[in-house]
């Protein structure tokens, strides 16, 4: 059986393995996102997961707001 590593869109090189998004240091939990890096500390993995969900919700919300602003600024010529 061949062991393939899935690449994400934009990845140019093979990664031998991927670590999880969450990690713990000295009993504090963090998550990592590509756009802004490390987020935390959180007192538990569950609270970090909630923090990630809030971050993703905010990113989607601001993305939609940005799209709305860009389209309302358009003028027909």
N, C-alpha and C. Protein backbone atom coordinates (compact mmCIF):
# COMPACT_ATOMS: atom_id res chain seq x y z
N UNK A 1 0.85 -1.18 0.00
CA UNK A 1 0.00 0.00 0.00
C UNK A 1 0.89 1.24 0.00
N UNK A 2 0.60 2.17 -0.87
CA UNK A 2 1.38 3.40 -0.99
C UNK A 2 0.88 4.42 0.03
N UNK A 3 1.80 5.11 0.71
CA UNK A 3 1.46 6.12 1.70
C UNK A 3 1.57 7.50 1.07
N UNK A 4 0.42 8.11 0.75
CA UNK A 4 0.43 9.43 0.12
C UNK A 4 0.12 10.50 1.15
N UNK A 5 0.77 11.66 0.98
CA UNK A 5 0.49 12.81 1.83
C UNK A 5 -0.32 13.79 0.99
N UNK A 6 -1.47 14.17 1.50
CA UNK A 6 -2.31 15.13 0.79
C UNK A 6 -1.71 16.52 0.90
N UNK A 7 -1.72 17.24 -0.21
CA UNK A 7 -1.24 18.62 -0.21
C UNK A 7 -2.43 19.56 -0.17
N UNK A 8 -2.24 20.68 0.52
CA UNK A 8 -3.25 21.73 0.48
C UNK A 8 -3.02 22.59 -0.74
N UNK A 9 -4.04 23.29 -1.14
CA UNK A 9 -3.92 24.21 -2.26
C UNK A 9 -2.82 25.22 -1.97
N UNK A 10 -1.89 25.37 -2.89
CA UNK A 10 -0.80 26.32 -2.71
C UNK A 10 0.48 25.71 -2.15
N UNK A 11 0.41 24.51 -1.59
CA UNK A 11 1.62 23.86 -1.09
C UNK A 11 2.49 23.46 -2.27
N UNK A 12 3.79 23.76 -2.17
CA UNK A 12 4.69 23.44 -3.27
C UNK A 12 5.58 22.25 -2.97
N UNK A 13 5.71 21.89 -1.71
CA UNK A 13 6.59 20.77 -1.38
C UNK A 13 5.86 19.75 -0.53
N UNK A 14 6.40 18.56 -0.52
CA UNK A 14 5.81 17.49 0.29
C UNK A 14 6.14 17.73 1.75
N UNK A 15 5.20 17.45 2.61
CA UNK A 15 5.41 17.51 4.04
C UNK A 15 5.39 16.08 4.56
N UNK A 16 6.38 15.70 5.38
CA UNK A 16 6.40 14.31 5.84
C UNK A 16 5.20 13.95 6.70
N UNK A 17 4.65 14.90 7.42
CA UNK A 17 3.44 14.69 8.21
C UNK A 17 2.88 16.05 8.60
N UNK A 18 1.64 16.08 9.00
CA UNK A 18 1.01 17.30 9.49
C UNK A 18 0.68 17.13 10.96
N UNK A 19 0.98 18.15 11.72
CA UNK A 19 0.60 18.12 13.12
C UNK A 19 -0.79 18.71 13.25
N UNK A 20 -1.40 18.52 14.38
CA UNK A 20 -2.72 19.06 14.60
C UNK A 20 -2.70 20.57 14.74
N UNK A 21 -3.83 21.18 14.60
CA UNK A 21 -3.95 22.62 14.73
C UNK A 21 -3.78 23.05 16.19
N UNK A 22 -4.12 22.18 17.13
CA UNK A 22 -4.05 22.50 18.56
C UNK A 22 -2.81 21.89 19.19
N UNK A 23 -2.25 22.61 20.14
CA UNK A 23 -1.12 22.07 20.89
C UNK A 23 -1.12 22.68 22.28
N UNK A 24 -0.45 22.01 23.20
CA UNK A 24 -0.43 22.43 24.59
C UNK A 24 1.01 22.67 25.04
N UNK A 25 1.19 23.76 25.79
CA UNK A 25 2.48 24.08 26.39
C UNK A 25 2.21 24.50 27.83
N UNK A 26 2.84 23.82 28.77
CA UNK A 26 2.65 24.12 30.20
C UNK A 26 1.17 24.22 30.59
N UNK A 27 0.39 23.25 30.18
CA UNK A 27 -1.04 23.17 30.49
C UNK A 27 -1.87 24.32 29.93
N UNK A 28 -1.35 25.04 28.96
CA UNK A 28 -2.11 26.05 28.25
C UNK A 28 -2.26 25.60 26.80
N UNK A 29 -3.44 25.83 26.22
CA UNK A 29 -3.73 25.37 24.87
C UNK A 29 -3.68 26.51 23.87
N UNK A 30 -3.18 26.21 22.69
CA UNK A 30 -3.05 27.17 21.60
C UNK A 30 -3.55 26.51 20.32
N UNK A 31 -3.94 27.34 19.37
CA UNK A 31 -4.16 26.83 18.02
C UNK A 31 -3.43 27.74 17.06
N UNK A 32 -3.16 27.22 15.89
CA UNK A 32 -2.39 27.95 14.89
C UNK A 32 -3.23 28.11 13.63
N UNK A 33 -3.28 29.34 13.13
CA UNK A 33 -3.94 29.60 11.85
C UNK A 33 -2.94 30.32 10.95
N UNK A 34 -3.01 30.01 9.69
CA UNK A 34 -2.05 30.50 8.71
C UNK A 34 -2.05 32.03 8.63
N UNK A 35 -3.23 32.64 8.72
CA UNK A 35 -3.35 34.08 8.51
C UNK A 35 -2.68 34.92 9.60
N UNK A 36 -2.78 34.50 10.85
CA UNK A 36 -2.27 35.32 11.96
C UNK A 36 -1.33 34.59 12.90
N UNK A 37 -1.14 33.30 12.71
CA UNK A 37 -0.21 32.55 13.55
C UNK A 37 -0.87 31.98 14.80
N UNK A 38 -0.11 32.00 15.88
CA UNK A 38 -0.52 31.37 17.13
C UNK A 38 -1.61 32.17 17.84
N UNK A 39 -2.60 31.46 18.33
CA UNK A 39 -3.69 32.07 19.09
C UNK A 39 -3.81 31.36 20.43
N UNK A 40 -3.92 32.10 21.50
CA UNK A 40 -4.05 31.52 22.82
C UNK A 40 -3.32 32.39 23.82
N UNK A 41 -3.18 31.98 25.02
CA UNK A 41 -3.48 30.64 25.55
C UNK A 41 -4.94 30.49 25.97
N UNK A 42 -5.39 29.23 25.97
CA UNK A 42 -6.70 28.84 26.45
C UNK A 42 -6.48 27.85 27.59
N UNK A 43 -7.41 27.83 28.55
CA UNK A 43 -7.21 26.97 29.72
C UNK A 43 -7.51 25.50 29.45
N UNK A 44 -8.17 25.22 28.31
CA UNK A 44 -8.43 23.82 27.95
C UNK A 44 -8.49 23.71 26.43
N UNK A 45 -8.39 22.50 25.94
CA UNK A 45 -8.50 22.30 24.50
C UNK A 45 -9.90 22.68 24.02
N UNK A 46 -10.92 22.36 24.83
CA UNK A 46 -12.29 22.71 24.47
C UNK A 46 -12.45 24.22 24.31
N UNK A 47 -11.90 25.00 25.24
CA UNK A 47 -12.03 26.45 25.10
C UNK A 47 -11.24 26.95 23.89
N UNK A 48 -10.14 26.29 23.55
CA UNK A 48 -9.40 26.63 22.33
C UNK A 48 -10.21 26.31 21.09
N UNK A 49 -10.94 25.19 21.10
CA UNK A 49 -11.79 24.84 19.97
C UNK A 49 -12.90 25.88 19.79
N UNK A 50 -13.45 26.35 20.90
CA UNK A 50 -14.47 27.40 20.84
C UNK A 50 -13.84 28.69 20.29
N UNK A 51 -12.62 28.99 20.73
CA UNK A 51 -11.91 30.16 20.22
C UNK A 51 -11.67 30.07 18.72
N UNK A 52 -11.33 28.89 18.23
CA UNK A 52 -11.13 28.69 16.79
C UNK A 52 -12.44 28.89 16.03
N UNK A 53 -13.53 28.35 16.57
CA UNK A 53 -14.83 28.53 15.91
C UNK A 53 -15.21 30.01 15.85
N UNK A 54 -14.94 30.75 16.92
CA UNK A 54 -15.22 32.18 16.92
C UNK A 54 -14.34 32.91 15.92
N UNK A 55 -13.08 32.52 15.84
CA UNK A 55 -12.16 33.12 14.87
C UNK A 55 -12.66 32.88 13.44
N UNK A 56 -13.05 31.64 13.14
CA UNK A 56 -13.53 31.32 11.79
C UNK A 56 -14.83 32.06 11.47
N UNK A 57 -15.71 32.18 12.45
CA UNK A 57 -16.94 32.94 12.26
C UNK A 57 -16.62 34.40 11.95
N UNK A 58 -15.70 34.99 12.73
CA UNK A 58 -15.31 36.39 12.50
C UNK A 58 -14.69 36.56 11.12
N UNK A 59 -13.82 35.63 10.72
CA UNK A 59 -13.19 35.74 9.41
C UNK A 59 -14.24 35.71 8.30
N UNK A 60 -15.23 34.84 8.42
CA UNK A 60 -16.28 34.75 7.41
C UNK A 60 -17.13 36.02 7.43
N UNK A 61 -17.44 36.51 8.63
CA UNK A 61 -18.25 37.73 8.76
C UNK A 61 -17.55 38.92 8.11
N UNK A 62 -16.26 39.12 8.42
CA UNK A 62 -15.53 40.25 7.86
C UNK A 62 -15.31 40.10 6.37
N UNK A 63 -15.16 38.87 5.92
CA UNK A 63 -15.03 38.62 4.48
C UNK A 63 -16.32 39.05 3.77
N UNK A 64 -17.47 38.72 4.36
CA UNK A 64 -18.74 39.10 3.77
C UNK A 64 -18.91 40.62 3.83
N UNK A 65 -18.52 41.25 4.94
CA UNK A 65 -18.63 42.70 5.06
C UNK A 65 -17.76 43.39 4.03
N UNK A 66 -16.55 42.87 3.82
CA UNK A 66 -15.64 43.46 2.84
C UNK A 66 -16.26 43.36 1.44
N UNK A 67 -16.85 42.21 1.14
CA UNK A 67 -17.49 42.03 -0.16
C UNK A 67 -18.64 43.02 -0.32
N UNK A 68 -19.43 43.21 0.74
CA UNK A 68 -20.54 44.15 0.67
C UNK A 68 -20.03 45.57 0.42
N UNK A 69 -18.97 45.95 1.13
CA UNK A 69 -18.43 47.29 0.96
C UNK A 69 -17.90 47.49 -0.45
N UNK A 70 -17.21 46.51 -0.97
CA UNK A 70 -16.65 46.64 -2.31
C UNK A 70 -17.75 46.77 -3.35
N UNK A 71 -18.83 46.03 -3.20
CA UNK A 71 -19.88 46.09 -4.22
C UNK A 71 -20.71 47.36 -4.09
N UNK A 72 -20.86 47.91 -2.90
CA UNK A 72 -21.64 49.15 -2.76
C UNK A 72 -20.85 50.36 -3.26
N UNK A 73 -19.53 50.24 -3.31
CA UNK A 73 -18.71 51.34 -3.80
C UNK A 73 -18.64 51.40 -5.32
N UNK A 74 -19.18 50.40 -6.00
CA UNK A 74 -19.14 50.37 -7.46
C UNK A 74 -20.11 51.38 -8.05
N UNK A 75 -19.69 52.02 -9.11
CA UNK A 75 -20.56 52.97 -9.80
C UNK A 75 -20.72 52.53 -11.24
N UNK A 76 -21.93 52.59 -11.74
CA UNK A 76 -22.18 52.25 -13.13
C UNK A 76 -21.80 53.44 -14.00
N UNK A 77 -21.15 53.17 -15.09
CA UNK A 77 -20.72 54.25 -16.00
C UNK A 77 -21.43 54.12 -17.33
